[in-house]
């Protein structure tokens, strides 16, 4: 499987001078579905987000793992490009990362059409993916060690497929918060599951091969046949 290491051109968002939020990694001629990857960040931070930051680099092996696990070349693969590093939102606020995910979904629809989308997000990106699941084109969410603050909304997950993978040794985001979040999502009508990764840390470096394999098989399994 070939993964394109190509950044989309600035202005793809449709607004002059505003960089596009979607970075294409594999572009089929006629995609049947898409997987978008959302890296982590910070709770607060206005500094620009850059592709060489560790949070962004950490997701690249997951892109490659999903590409290798796909049975065909008909799935668009892309990453969400954040404008800034932080979520930067109070209780109930959408946050900068979520606004960027929404922009990326709009850009994907313009270039690939109305295809079903699986979102794969880590940490802050997991929170953004779970929030963005209310968008009609989002079919499923795979959240890796997501940041799930108390009171995080779940109604947008009704009738969506949701899987949360969380290392049981994570000291940055709480595994217990993910368990509680999934229980609330189920009660709201989501087809949700949580799996604790034995020995897993927040950076997903301990047992990284297992993380990549498990995430890839889960994401591919969420795609339409």
N, C-alpha and C. Protein backbone atom coordinates (compact mmCIF):
# COMPACT_ATOMS: atom_id res chain seq x y z
N UNK A 1 0.85 -1.18 0.00
CA UNK A 1 0.00 0.00 0.00
C UNK A 1 0.89 1.24 0.00
N UNK A 2 0.56 2.20 -0.80
CA UNK A 2 1.34 3.43 -0.88
C UNK A 2 0.65 4.52 -0.09
N UNK A 3 1.41 5.16 0.78
CA UNK A 3 0.90 6.30 1.52
C UNK A 3 1.61 7.54 1.01
N UNK A 4 0.86 8.52 0.53
CA UNK A 4 1.44 9.73 -0.01
C UNK A 4 1.86 10.67 1.11
N UNK A 5 3.12 11.06 1.14
CA UNK A 5 3.59 12.06 2.10
C UNK A 5 3.47 13.43 1.45
N UNK A 6 2.23 13.92 1.31
CA UNK A 6 2.01 15.17 0.62
C UNK A 6 1.09 16.06 1.43
N UNK A 7 1.51 17.29 1.62
CA UNK A 7 0.66 18.27 2.28
C UNK A 7 -0.25 18.90 1.23
N UNK A 8 -1.52 19.12 1.60
CA UNK A 8 -2.40 19.87 0.72
C UNK A 8 -1.97 21.32 0.69
N UNK A 9 -2.31 22.01 -0.35
CA UNK A 9 -1.86 23.38 -0.52
C UNK A 9 -2.62 24.33 0.38
N UNK A 10 -1.96 25.43 0.85
CA UNK A 10 -2.67 26.43 1.64
C UNK A 10 -3.86 26.96 0.87
N UNK A 11 -4.90 27.29 1.65
CA UNK A 11 -6.10 27.82 1.02
C UNK A 11 -7.11 26.76 0.65
N UNK A 12 -6.79 25.47 0.92
CA UNK A 12 -7.74 24.41 0.59
C UNK A 12 -9.02 24.52 1.40
N UNK A 13 -8.98 25.28 2.48
CA UNK A 13 -10.18 25.46 3.29
C UNK A 13 -11.22 26.32 2.61
N UNK A 14 -10.81 27.03 1.57
CA UNK A 14 -11.72 27.92 0.89
C UNK A 14 -11.61 29.36 1.33
N UNK A 15 -10.89 29.61 2.43
CA UNK A 15 -10.70 30.97 2.91
C UNK A 15 -9.31 31.44 2.52
N UNK A 16 -9.20 32.61 1.88
CA UNK A 16 -7.89 33.10 1.44
C UNK A 16 -6.92 33.21 2.61
N UNK A 17 -5.72 32.65 2.42
CA UNK A 17 -4.68 32.75 3.43
C UNK A 17 -4.81 31.78 4.59
N UNK A 18 -5.88 30.96 4.62
CA UNK A 18 -6.06 30.00 5.70
C UNK A 18 -5.68 28.61 5.20
N UNK A 19 -4.66 27.97 5.81
CA UNK A 19 -4.26 26.64 5.36
C UNK A 19 -5.41 25.65 5.49
N UNK A 20 -5.46 24.71 4.57
CA UNK A 20 -6.47 23.66 4.66
C UNK A 20 -6.27 22.83 5.91
N UNK A 21 -7.35 22.26 6.41
CA UNK A 21 -7.29 21.44 7.61
C UNK A 21 -7.08 19.97 7.30
N UNK A 22 -7.14 19.60 6.02
CA UNK A 22 -7.01 18.20 5.61
C UNK A 22 -5.68 17.98 4.91
N UNK A 23 -4.90 17.03 5.43
CA UNK A 23 -3.63 16.63 4.82
C UNK A 23 -3.83 15.24 4.23
N UNK A 24 -3.79 15.13 2.92
CA UNK A 24 -4.01 13.84 2.26
C UNK A 24 -2.78 12.97 2.37
N UNK A 25 -2.99 11.72 2.75
CA UNK A 25 -1.91 10.74 2.81
C UNK A 25 -2.06 9.63 1.78
N UNK A 26 -3.29 9.32 1.40
CA UNK A 26 -3.53 8.40 0.29
C UNK A 26 -4.83 8.81 -0.39
N UNK A 27 -4.77 8.97 -1.70
CA UNK A 27 -5.91 9.51 -2.44
C UNK A 27 -6.31 8.55 -3.56
N UNK A 28 -7.32 7.72 -3.34
CA UNK A 28 -7.80 6.84 -4.41
C UNK A 28 -8.53 7.66 -5.48
N UNK A 29 -8.66 7.08 -6.65
CA UNK A 29 -9.38 7.77 -7.71
C UNK A 29 -10.86 7.94 -7.39
N UNK A 30 -11.46 6.91 -6.82
CA UNK A 30 -12.88 6.95 -6.46
C UNK A 30 -13.04 6.29 -5.09
N UNK A 31 -12.78 7.04 -4.02
CA UNK A 31 -12.80 6.44 -2.68
C UNK A 31 -14.19 5.95 -2.28
N UNK A 32 -14.22 4.82 -1.60
CA UNK A 32 -15.48 4.29 -1.07
C UNK A 32 -15.68 4.68 0.38
N UNK A 33 -14.61 5.14 1.04
CA UNK A 33 -14.67 5.52 2.45
C UNK A 33 -13.40 6.31 2.76
N UNK A 34 -13.32 6.79 3.99
CA UNK A 34 -12.14 7.56 4.41
C UNK A 34 -11.83 7.29 5.87
N UNK A 35 -10.55 7.37 6.20
CA UNK A 35 -10.10 7.33 7.59
C UNK A 35 -9.28 8.59 7.82
N UNK A 36 -9.67 9.38 8.81
CA UNK A 36 -8.93 10.59 9.17
C UNK A 36 -8.31 10.41 10.54
N UNK A 37 -7.07 10.88 10.67
CA UNK A 37 -6.29 10.71 11.90
C UNK A 37 -6.12 12.07 12.59
N UNK A 38 -6.33 12.08 13.90
CA UNK A 38 -6.28 13.30 14.69
C UNK A 38 -5.27 13.12 15.82
N UNK A 39 -4.17 13.85 15.78
CA UNK A 39 -3.16 13.69 16.82
C UNK A 39 -3.54 14.48 18.07
N UNK A 40 -2.74 14.31 19.09
CA UNK A 40 -2.99 14.96 20.36
C UNK A 40 -2.50 16.40 20.40
N UNK A 41 -2.66 17.01 21.56
CA UNK A 41 -2.25 18.39 21.74
C UNK A 41 -2.24 18.76 23.21
N UNK A 42 -2.70 19.96 23.52
CA UNK A 42 -2.69 20.46 24.89
C UNK A 42 -4.06 21.01 25.24
N UNK A 43 -4.32 21.12 26.53
CA UNK A 43 -5.59 21.71 26.93
C UNK A 43 -5.65 23.18 26.54
N UNK A 44 -4.52 23.88 26.67
CA UNK A 44 -4.44 25.29 26.29
C UNK A 44 -3.15 25.51 25.51
N UNK A 45 -3.19 26.37 24.52
CA UNK A 45 -1.98 26.69 23.77
C UNK A 45 -2.31 27.32 22.44
N UNK A 46 -1.82 28.54 22.25
CA UNK A 46 -2.08 29.27 21.01
C UNK A 46 -0.92 29.21 20.03
N UNK A 47 0.17 28.53 20.40
CA UNK A 47 1.29 28.40 19.48
C UNK A 47 0.87 27.56 18.28
N UNK A 48 1.41 27.85 17.09
CA UNK A 48 1.02 27.07 15.90
C UNK A 48 1.34 25.59 16.05
N UNK A 49 0.47 24.75 15.55
CA UNK A 49 0.72 23.31 15.50
C UNK A 49 1.54 23.00 14.26
N UNK A 50 2.60 22.22 14.43
CA UNK A 50 3.50 21.91 13.32
C UNK A 50 3.58 20.41 13.10
N UNK A 51 3.79 19.97 11.84
CA UNK A 51 3.81 18.53 11.55
C UNK A 51 4.99 17.79 12.15
N UNK A 52 6.04 18.52 12.61
CA UNK A 52 7.19 17.85 13.22
C UNK A 52 7.08 17.76 14.74
N UNK A 53 6.01 18.28 15.33
CA UNK A 53 5.81 18.11 16.76
C UNK A 53 5.59 16.63 17.08
N UNK A 54 6.01 16.23 18.27
CA UNK A 54 5.94 14.81 18.63
C UNK A 54 4.52 14.26 18.56
N UNK A 55 3.55 15.07 18.97
CA UNK A 55 2.16 14.59 18.94
C UNK A 55 1.74 14.20 17.53
N UNK A 56 2.17 14.99 16.55
CA UNK A 56 1.83 14.67 15.15
C UNK A 56 2.61 13.46 14.65
N UNK A 57 3.90 13.43 14.96
CA UNK A 57 4.74 12.31 14.50
C UNK A 57 4.27 10.98 15.09
N UNK A 58 3.72 11.04 16.28
CA UNK A 58 3.27 9.82 16.96
C UNK A 58 2.16 9.11 16.19
N UNK A 59 1.40 9.85 15.38
CA UNK A 59 0.29 9.24 14.66
C UNK A 59 0.70 8.63 13.32
N UNK A 60 1.86 8.99 12.81
CA UNK A 60 2.25 8.50 11.48
C UNK A 60 2.29 6.97 11.41
N UNK A 61 2.85 6.27 12.40
CA UNK A 61 2.83 4.80 12.31
C UNK A 61 1.43 4.21 12.27
N UNK A 62 0.46 4.91 12.86
CA UNK A 62 -0.92 4.43 12.80
C UNK A 62 -1.49 4.58 11.39
N UNK A 63 -1.11 5.66 10.71
CA UNK A 63 -1.52 5.82 9.31
C UNK A 63 -0.96 4.68 8.47
N UNK A 64 0.33 4.41 8.65
CA UNK A 64 0.96 3.34 7.87
C UNK A 64 0.36 1.98 8.21
N UNK A 65 0.06 1.75 9.50
CA UNK A 65 -0.50 0.47 9.91
C UNK A 65 -1.88 0.25 9.29
N UNK A 66 -2.70 1.28 9.28
CA UNK A 66 -4.03 1.16 8.66
C UNK A 66 -3.89 0.94 7.16
N UNK A 67 -2.99 1.68 6.52
CA UNK A 67 -2.78 1.50 5.08
C UNK A 67 -2.39 0.06 4.76
N UNK A 68 -1.52 -0.51 5.58
CA UNK A 68 -1.06 -1.89 5.34
C UNK A 68 -2.15 -2.91 5.59
N UNK A 69 -3.09 -2.58 6.49
CA UNK A 69 -4.14 -3.54 6.85
C UNK A 69 -5.34 -3.50 5.92
N UNK A 70 -5.43 -2.47 5.08
CA UNK A 70 -6.59 -2.35 4.20
C UNK A 70 -6.57 -3.42 3.11
N UNK A 71 -7.71 -4.01 2.81
CA UNK A 71 -7.76 -5.05 1.79
C UNK A 71 -7.77 -4.50 0.36
N UNK A 72 -7.94 -3.18 0.21
CA UNK A 72 -7.99 -2.59 -1.12
C UNK A 72 -7.41 -1.18 -1.07
N UNK A 73 -7.33 -0.53 -2.23
CA UNK A 73 -6.78 0.82 -2.32
C UNK A 73 -7.86 1.87 -2.50
N UNK A 74 -9.07 1.60 -2.03
CA UNK A 74 -10.19 2.47 -2.30
C UNK A 74 -10.59 3.32 -1.09
N UNK A 75 -9.72 3.42 -0.11
CA UNK A 75 -10.02 4.19 1.10
C UNK A 75 -9.08 5.39 1.18
N UNK A 76 -9.65 6.58 1.25
CA UNK A 76 -8.88 7.81 1.42
C UNK A 76 -8.32 7.85 2.83
N UNK A 77 -7.04 8.18 2.94
CA UNK A 77 -6.40 8.34 4.25
C UNK A 77 -5.91 9.78 4.38
N UNK A 78 -6.20 10.40 5.49
CA UNK A 78 -5.76 11.78 5.69
C UNK A 78 -5.58 12.11 7.16
N UNK A 79 -4.88 13.21 7.40
CA UNK A 79 -4.69 13.70 8.76
C UNK A 79 -5.31 15.08 8.88
N UNK A 80 -5.77 15.39 10.08
CA UNK A 80 -6.31 16.71 10.37
C UNK A 80 -5.17 17.62 10.80
N UNK A 81 -5.08 18.77 10.16
CA UNK A 81 -4.06 19.76 10.50
C UNK A 81 -4.70 20.83 11.40
N UNK A 82 -4.20 20.92 12.64
CA UNK A 82 -4.70 21.94 13.56
C UNK A 82 -3.98 23.27 13.31
N UNK A 83 -4.69 24.34 13.55
CA UNK A 83 -4.05 25.65 13.45
C UNK A 83 -3.18 25.94 14.67
N UNK A 84 -3.64 25.56 15.86
CA UNK A 84 -2.88 25.80 17.09
C UNK A 84 -2.80 24.50 17.88
N UNK A 85 -1.95 24.48 18.90
CA UNK A 85 -1.66 23.24 19.62
C UNK A 85 -2.69 22.89 20.68
N UNK A 86 -3.46 23.89 21.15
CA UNK A 86 -4.36 23.65 22.27
C UNK A 86 -5.81 23.49 21.89
N UNK A 87 -6.57 22.91 22.81
CA UNK A 87 -8.02 22.82 22.67
C UNK A 87 -8.65 24.20 22.84
N UNK A 88 -8.22 24.87 23.90
CA UNK A 88 -8.59 26.28 24.13
C UNK A 88 -10.09 26.49 24.20
N UNK A 89 -10.73 25.73 25.03
CA UNK A 89 -12.17 25.89 25.21
C UNK A 89 -12.57 25.59 26.64
N UNK A 90 -13.55 26.31 27.12
CA UNK A 90 -14.08 26.04 28.44
C UNK A 90 -15.14 24.96 28.39
N UNK A 91 -15.83 24.78 29.50
CA UNK A 91 -16.89 23.78 29.58
C UNK A 91 -17.96 24.07 28.54
N UNK A 92 -18.26 23.08 27.73
CA UNK A 92 -19.29 23.25 26.71
C UNK A 92 -18.82 23.93 25.44
N UNK A 93 -17.57 24.41 25.43
CA UNK A 93 -17.06 25.10 24.23
C UNK A 93 -16.55 24.07 23.24
N UNK A 94 -16.69 24.37 21.95
CA UNK A 94 -16.24 23.42 20.92
C UNK A 94 -14.73 23.25 20.91
N UNK A 95 -13.97 24.30 21.16
CA UNK A 95 -12.53 24.18 21.14
C UNK A 95 -11.97 24.29 19.73
N UNK A 96 -10.72 24.77 19.65
CA UNK A 96 -10.09 24.97 18.35
C UNK A 96 -9.91 23.68 17.57
N UNK A 97 -9.53 22.60 18.27
CA UNK A 97 -9.30 21.33 17.58
C UNK A 97 -10.58 20.82 16.92
N UNK A 98 -11.70 20.93 17.60
CA UNK A 98 -12.96 20.46 17.03
C UNK A 98 -13.33 21.28 15.80
N UNK A 99 -13.11 22.58 15.86
CA UNK A 99 -13.40 23.40 14.68
C UNK A 99 -12.54 22.99 13.50
N UNK A 100 -11.29 22.60 13.75
CA UNK A 100 -10.42 22.15 12.67
C UNK A 100 -10.89 20.82 12.09
N UNK A 101 -11.39 19.93 12.95
CA UNK A 101 -11.92 18.65 12.45
C UNK A 101 -13.13 18.90 11.56
N UNK A 102 -13.98 19.82 11.95
CA UNK A 102 -15.14 20.12 11.12
C UNK A 102 -14.71 20.69 9.77
N UNK A 103 -13.68 21.54 9.76
CA UNK A 103 -13.17 22.06 8.49
C UNK A 103 -12.63 20.93 7.63
N UNK A 104 -11.89 19.99 8.26
CA UNK A 104 -11.32 18.87 7.50
C UNK A 104 -12.42 18.00 6.89
N UNK A 105 -13.50 17.78 7.64
CA UNK A 105 -14.61 16.98 7.10
C UNK A 105 -15.28 17.69 5.91
N UNK A 106 -15.40 19.00 6.00
CA UNK A 106 -15.96 19.76 4.87
C UNK A 106 -15.05 19.65 3.64
N UNK A 107 -13.74 19.76 3.86
CA UNK A 107 -12.80 19.66 2.74
C UNK A 107 -12.82 18.26 2.14
N UNK A 108 -12.93 17.25 2.99
CA UNK A 108 -13.01 15.88 2.49
C UNK A 108 -14.26 15.69 1.62
N UNK A 109 -15.39 16.23 2.05
CA UNK A 109 -16.63 16.09 1.28
C UNK A 109 -16.49 16.76 -0.08
N UNK A 110 -15.77 17.88 -0.14
CA UNK A 110 -15.62 18.58 -1.42
C UNK A 110 -14.75 17.78 -2.39
N UNK A 111 -13.77 17.06 -1.87
CA UNK A 111 -12.86 16.37 -2.79
C UNK A 111 -13.20 14.90 -2.98
N UNK A 112 -13.88 14.27 -2.03
CA UNK A 112 -14.14 12.83 -2.13
C UNK A 112 -15.62 12.51 -2.20
N UNK A 113 -16.49 13.50 -1.99
CA UNK A 113 -17.91 13.23 -2.02
C UNK A 113 -18.43 12.75 -0.68
N UNK A 114 -19.64 12.23 -0.69
CA UNK A 114 -20.32 11.82 0.53
C UNK A 114 -19.93 10.39 0.89
N UNK A 115 -18.70 10.23 1.39
CA UNK A 115 -18.21 8.90 1.76
C UNK A 115 -18.26 8.75 3.28
N UNK A 116 -18.49 7.52 3.76
CA UNK A 116 -18.47 7.30 5.21
C UNK A 116 -17.05 7.47 5.76
N UNK A 117 -16.96 8.03 6.96
CA UNK A 117 -15.67 8.38 7.55
C UNK A 117 -15.49 7.70 8.90
N UNK A 118 -14.30 7.17 9.11
CA UNK A 118 -13.86 6.70 10.43
C UNK A 118 -12.83 7.69 10.95
N UNK A 119 -13.03 8.19 12.15
CA UNK A 119 -12.08 9.09 12.79
C UNK A 119 -11.23 8.31 13.80
N UNK A 120 -9.91 8.50 13.73
CA UNK A 120 -8.98 7.87 14.67
C UNK A 120 -8.24 8.99 15.38
N UNK A 121 -8.50 9.17 16.67
CA UNK A 121 -7.90 10.28 17.39
C UNK A 121 -7.21 9.86 18.67
N UNK A 122 -6.09 10.53 18.96
CA UNK A 122 -5.33 10.26 20.19
C UNK A 122 -5.40 11.44 21.14
N UNK A 123 -5.68 11.18 22.41
CA UNK A 123 -5.65 12.18 23.46
C UNK A 123 -6.59 13.35 23.15
N UNK A 124 -6.07 14.57 22.97
CA UNK A 124 -6.94 15.67 22.58
C UNK A 124 -7.65 15.37 21.27
N UNK A 125 -6.95 14.70 20.35
CA UNK A 125 -7.56 14.30 19.09
C UNK A 125 -8.68 13.30 19.28
N UNK A 126 -8.56 12.46 20.32
CA UNK A 126 -9.65 11.54 20.65
C UNK A 126 -10.89 12.29 21.10
N UNK A 127 -10.67 13.33 21.93
CA UNK A 127 -11.80 14.15 22.36
C UNK A 127 -12.46 14.83 21.16
N UNK A 128 -11.64 15.39 20.27
CA UNK A 128 -12.17 16.06 19.09
C UNK A 128 -12.94 15.09 18.20
N UNK A 129 -12.39 13.87 18.04
CA UNK A 129 -13.06 12.87 17.19
C UNK A 129 -14.42 12.49 17.77
N UNK A 130 -14.46 12.27 19.08
CA UNK A 130 -15.73 11.89 19.72
C UNK A 130 -16.75 13.02 19.62
N UNK A 131 -16.30 14.26 19.74
CA UNK A 131 -17.21 15.41 19.62
C UNK A 131 -17.72 15.54 18.17
N UNK A 132 -16.83 15.28 17.20
CA UNK A 132 -17.18 15.46 15.78
C UNK A 132 -18.04 14.34 15.24
N UNK A 133 -18.28 13.32 16.04
CA UNK A 133 -19.02 12.15 15.54
C UNK A 133 -20.45 12.48 15.16
N UNK A 134 -20.95 13.63 15.59
CA UNK A 134 -22.30 14.01 15.20
C UNK A 134 -22.43 14.41 13.75
N UNK A 135 -21.33 14.65 13.07
CA UNK A 135 -21.37 14.99 11.65
C UNK A 135 -21.94 13.80 10.87
N UNK A 136 -22.83 14.04 9.91
CA UNK A 136 -23.50 12.93 9.23
C UNK A 136 -22.56 11.95 8.55
N UNK A 137 -21.42 12.44 8.02
CA UNK A 137 -20.54 11.52 7.29
C UNK A 137 -19.70 10.64 8.20
N UNK A 138 -19.65 10.94 9.50
CA UNK A 138 -18.85 10.13 10.42
C UNK A 138 -19.62 8.86 10.77
N UNK A 139 -19.02 7.74 10.42
CA UNK A 139 -19.63 6.44 10.68
C UNK A 139 -19.19 5.88 12.03
N UNK A 140 -17.91 6.12 12.39
CA UNK A 140 -17.35 5.48 13.58
C UNK A 140 -16.17 6.27 14.09
N UNK A 141 -15.84 6.03 15.37
CA UNK A 141 -14.71 6.69 16.00
C UNK A 141 -13.88 5.65 16.75
N UNK A 142 -12.58 5.70 16.52
CA UNK A 142 -11.61 4.95 17.32
C UNK A 142 -10.82 5.98 18.12
N UNK A 143 -11.00 5.98 19.43
CA UNK A 143 -10.33 6.95 20.30
C UNK A 143 -9.22 6.25 21.07
N UNK A 144 -8.00 6.77 20.94
CA UNK A 144 -6.83 6.20 21.59
C UNK A 144 -6.45 7.07 22.78
N UNK A 145 -6.55 6.50 23.98
CA UNK A 145 -6.23 7.24 25.22
C UNK A 145 -6.86 8.63 25.20
N UNK A 146 -8.17 8.72 24.97
CA UNK A 146 -8.78 10.04 24.78
C UNK A 146 -8.85 10.84 26.08
N UNK A 147 -8.90 12.14 25.90
CA UNK A 147 -9.13 13.08 26.99
C UNK A 147 -10.64 13.24 27.10
N UNK A 148 -11.20 12.71 28.18
CA UNK A 148 -12.65 12.72 28.37
C UNK A 148 -12.98 13.40 29.70
N UNK A 149 -13.03 14.72 29.70
CA UNK A 149 -13.36 15.43 30.95
C UNK A 149 -14.76 15.07 31.45
N UNK A 150 -14.98 15.30 32.74
CA UNK A 150 -16.31 15.07 33.31
C UNK A 150 -17.34 15.91 32.56
N UNK A 151 -18.47 15.31 32.28
CA UNK A 151 -19.54 16.04 31.62
C UNK A 151 -19.42 16.15 30.12
N UNK A 152 -18.43 15.48 29.54
CA UNK A 152 -18.27 15.52 28.09
C UNK A 152 -19.53 14.98 27.42
N UNK A 153 -20.06 15.65 26.38
CA UNK A 153 -21.33 15.22 25.76
C UNK A 153 -21.21 13.86 25.08
N UNK A 154 -22.31 13.14 25.04
CA UNK A 154 -22.34 11.82 24.41
C UNK A 154 -23.52 11.65 23.45
N UNK A 155 -24.46 12.59 23.45
CA UNK A 155 -25.66 12.40 22.62
C UNK A 155 -25.33 12.35 21.13
N UNK A 156 -24.22 12.99 20.72
CA UNK A 156 -23.83 12.98 19.30
C UNK A 156 -23.38 11.59 18.84
N UNK A 157 -23.18 10.67 19.78
CA UNK A 157 -22.69 9.33 19.45
C UNK A 157 -23.81 8.32 19.22
N UNK A 158 -25.03 8.76 19.35
CA UNK A 158 -26.16 7.84 19.13
C UNK A 158 -26.08 7.21 17.75
N UNK A 159 -26.21 5.88 17.70
CA UNK A 159 -26.19 5.09 16.47
C UNK A 159 -24.82 5.09 15.78
N UNK A 160 -23.78 5.49 16.49
CA UNK A 160 -22.42 5.45 15.94
C UNK A 160 -21.65 4.28 16.57
N UNK A 161 -20.67 3.79 15.83
CA UNK A 161 -19.75 2.78 16.37
C UNK A 161 -18.58 3.49 17.03
N UNK A 162 -18.30 3.15 18.27
CA UNK A 162 -17.24 3.79 19.04
C UNK A 162 -16.41 2.72 19.75
N UNK A 163 -15.10 2.80 19.56
CA UNK A 163 -14.19 1.94 20.32
C UNK A 163 -13.13 2.84 20.95
N UNK A 164 -12.91 2.64 22.24
CA UNK A 164 -11.88 3.37 22.97
C UNK A 164 -10.81 2.37 23.41
N UNK A 165 -9.56 2.66 23.04
CA UNK A 165 -8.41 1.88 23.51
C UNK A 165 -7.63 2.75 24.49
N UNK A 166 -7.39 2.26 25.68
CA UNK A 166 -6.71 3.07 26.69
C UNK A 166 -5.74 2.20 27.49
N UNK A 167 -4.48 2.63 27.57
CA UNK A 167 -3.49 1.90 28.34
C UNK A 167 -3.81 1.96 29.83
N UNK A 168 -3.66 0.83 30.51
CA UNK A 168 -4.02 0.82 31.93
C UNK A 168 -2.95 1.47 32.81
N UNK A 169 -1.81 1.87 32.20
CA UNK A 169 -0.78 2.60 32.95
C UNK A 169 -0.68 4.06 32.51
N UNK A 170 -1.70 4.54 31.85
CA UNK A 170 -1.71 5.93 31.40
C UNK A 170 -1.78 6.85 32.61
N UNK A 171 -0.85 7.81 32.69
CA UNK A 171 -0.84 8.78 33.78
C UNK A 171 -1.15 10.19 33.29
N UNK A 172 -1.53 10.33 32.03
CA UNK A 172 -1.85 11.64 31.47
C UNK A 172 -3.36 11.81 31.34
N UNK A 173 -4.01 10.88 30.68
CA UNK A 173 -5.46 10.83 30.66
C UNK A 173 -5.90 9.58 31.40
N UNK A 174 -7.06 9.64 32.03
CA UNK A 174 -7.50 8.60 32.95
C UNK A 174 -8.20 7.43 32.25
N UNK A 175 -7.68 6.20 32.39
CA UNK A 175 -8.41 5.05 31.84
C UNK A 175 -9.82 4.95 32.42
N UNK A 176 -9.96 5.25 33.70
CA UNK A 176 -11.27 5.17 34.33
C UNK A 176 -12.27 6.15 33.72
N UNK A 177 -11.77 7.30 33.29
CA UNK A 177 -12.65 8.28 32.65
C UNK A 177 -13.17 7.75 31.32
N UNK A 178 -12.32 7.00 30.60
CA UNK A 178 -12.76 6.40 29.34
C UNK A 178 -13.83 5.34 29.59
N UNK A 179 -13.65 4.54 30.63
CA UNK A 179 -14.64 3.51 30.97
C UNK A 179 -15.98 4.17 31.29
N UNK A 180 -15.95 5.23 32.08
CA UNK A 180 -17.18 5.92 32.45
C UNK A 180 -17.82 6.59 31.23
N UNK A 181 -16.99 7.16 30.35
CA UNK A 181 -17.51 7.81 29.16
C UNK A 181 -18.22 6.80 28.26
N UNK A 182 -17.62 5.65 28.06
CA UNK A 182 -18.23 4.63 27.20
C UNK A 182 -19.55 4.15 27.78
N UNK A 183 -19.62 4.01 29.10
CA UNK A 183 -20.89 3.60 29.72
C UNK A 183 -21.98 4.63 29.43
N UNK A 184 -21.65 5.92 29.52
CA UNK A 184 -22.61 6.97 29.23
C UNK A 184 -22.99 6.98 27.75
N UNK A 185 -21.99 6.72 26.88
CA UNK A 185 -22.27 6.68 25.44
C UNK A 185 -23.23 5.54 25.10
N UNK A 186 -23.02 4.40 25.71
CA UNK A 186 -23.95 3.27 25.48
C UNK A 186 -25.36 3.65 25.90
N UNK A 187 -25.48 4.28 27.05
CA UNK A 187 -26.80 4.67 27.54
C UNK A 187 -27.47 5.67 26.60
N UNK A 188 -26.65 6.42 25.86
CA UNK A 188 -27.18 7.40 24.90
C UNK A 188 -27.47 6.79 23.53
N UNK A 189 -27.21 5.49 23.36
CA UNK A 189 -27.55 4.83 22.11
C UNK A 189 -26.39 4.54 21.19
N UNK A 190 -25.15 4.72 21.67
CA UNK A 190 -23.97 4.39 20.86
C UNK A 190 -23.66 2.90 20.95
N UNK A 191 -23.09 2.37 19.89
CA UNK A 191 -22.55 1.02 19.92
C UNK A 191 -21.09 1.16 20.36
N UNK A 192 -20.88 1.22 21.66
CA UNK A 192 -19.58 1.63 22.20
C UNK A 192 -18.94 0.52 23.01
N UNK A 193 -17.60 0.49 22.92
CA UNK A 193 -16.83 -0.50 23.67
C UNK A 193 -15.53 0.15 24.12
N UNK A 194 -14.99 -0.31 25.23
CA UNK A 194 -13.70 0.17 25.71
C UNK A 194 -12.82 -1.04 26.00
N UNK A 195 -11.55 -0.93 25.59
CA UNK A 195 -10.59 -2.01 25.81
C UNK A 195 -9.36 -1.42 26.47
N UNK A 196 -9.01 -1.92 27.64
CA UNK A 196 -7.82 -1.47 28.32
C UNK A 196 -6.62 -2.27 27.81
N UNK A 197 -5.57 -1.56 27.45
CA UNK A 197 -4.37 -2.19 26.90
C UNK A 197 -3.41 -2.46 28.06
N UNK A 198 -3.13 -3.71 28.38
CA UNK A 198 -2.28 -4.02 29.52
C UNK A 198 -0.88 -3.41 29.37
N UNK A 199 -0.44 -2.65 30.37
CA UNK A 199 0.88 -2.05 30.34
C UNK A 199 1.01 -0.83 29.46
N UNK A 200 -0.08 -0.42 28.80
CA UNK A 200 -0.01 0.69 27.86
C UNK A 200 0.13 2.04 28.53
N UNK A 201 0.99 2.90 27.97
CA UNK A 201 1.18 4.25 28.48
C UNK A 201 0.49 5.25 27.55
N UNK A 202 0.51 6.53 27.92
CA UNK A 202 -0.21 7.53 27.15
C UNK A 202 0.39 7.74 25.77
N UNK A 203 1.72 7.69 25.67
CA UNK A 203 2.39 7.93 24.40
C UNK A 203 2.29 6.74 23.45
N UNK A 204 1.76 5.62 23.95
CA UNK A 204 1.59 4.40 23.15
C UNK A 204 2.93 3.86 22.64
N UNK A 205 3.99 4.12 23.42
CA UNK A 205 5.32 3.65 23.04
C UNK A 205 5.64 2.30 23.67
N UNK A 206 5.10 2.04 24.85
CA UNK A 206 5.29 0.74 25.47
C UNK A 206 4.39 -0.26 24.77
N UNK A 207 4.98 -1.23 24.09
CA UNK A 207 4.19 -2.17 23.30
C UNK A 207 3.61 -1.54 22.05
N UNK A 208 4.41 -0.66 21.41
CA UNK A 208 3.89 0.12 20.29
C UNK A 208 3.40 -0.76 19.13
N UNK A 209 4.08 -1.87 18.88
CA UNK A 209 3.64 -2.75 17.78
C UNK A 209 2.24 -3.27 18.02
N UNK A 210 1.95 -3.62 19.27
CA UNK A 210 0.61 -4.09 19.61
C UNK A 210 -0.41 -2.97 19.44
N UNK A 211 -0.06 -1.74 19.85
CA UNK A 211 -0.95 -0.60 19.66
C UNK A 211 -1.28 -0.42 18.17
N UNK A 212 -0.25 -0.46 17.33
CA UNK A 212 -0.47 -0.24 15.89
C UNK A 212 -1.34 -1.35 15.30
N UNK A 213 -1.05 -2.58 15.67
CA UNK A 213 -1.80 -3.72 15.13
C UNK A 213 -3.27 -3.65 15.58
N UNK A 214 -3.47 -3.39 16.85
CA UNK A 214 -4.83 -3.37 17.39
C UNK A 214 -5.63 -2.21 16.81
N UNK A 215 -5.00 -1.04 16.74
CA UNK A 215 -5.69 0.12 16.17
C UNK A 215 -6.03 -0.09 14.70
N UNK A 216 -5.09 -0.65 13.94
CA UNK A 216 -5.33 -0.86 12.51
C UNK A 216 -6.46 -1.85 12.28
N UNK A 217 -6.45 -2.96 13.00
CA UNK A 217 -7.51 -3.96 12.79
C UNK A 217 -8.87 -3.41 13.20
N UNK A 218 -8.87 -2.59 14.26
CA UNK A 218 -10.14 -2.02 14.72
C UNK A 218 -10.67 -0.99 13.71
N UNK A 219 -9.81 -0.10 13.26
CA UNK A 219 -10.23 0.94 12.31
C UNK A 219 -10.72 0.31 11.01
N UNK A 220 -10.00 -0.65 10.48
CA UNK A 220 -10.40 -1.31 9.24
C UNK A 220 -11.73 -2.04 9.42
N UNK A 221 -11.91 -2.63 10.60
CA UNK A 221 -13.16 -3.33 10.87
C UNK A 221 -14.36 -2.40 10.97
N UNK A 222 -14.13 -1.12 11.19
CA UNK A 222 -15.21 -0.15 11.28
C UNK A 222 -15.66 0.36 9.92
N UNK A 223 -14.87 0.12 8.89
CA UNK A 223 -15.21 0.58 7.55
C UNK A 223 -16.31 -0.27 6.95
N UNK A 224 -17.13 0.30 6.07
CA UNK A 224 -18.14 -0.49 5.39
C UNK A 224 -17.50 -1.55 4.51
N UNK A 225 -18.15 -2.67 4.37
CA UNK A 225 -17.60 -3.77 3.56
C UNK A 225 -17.57 -3.38 2.09
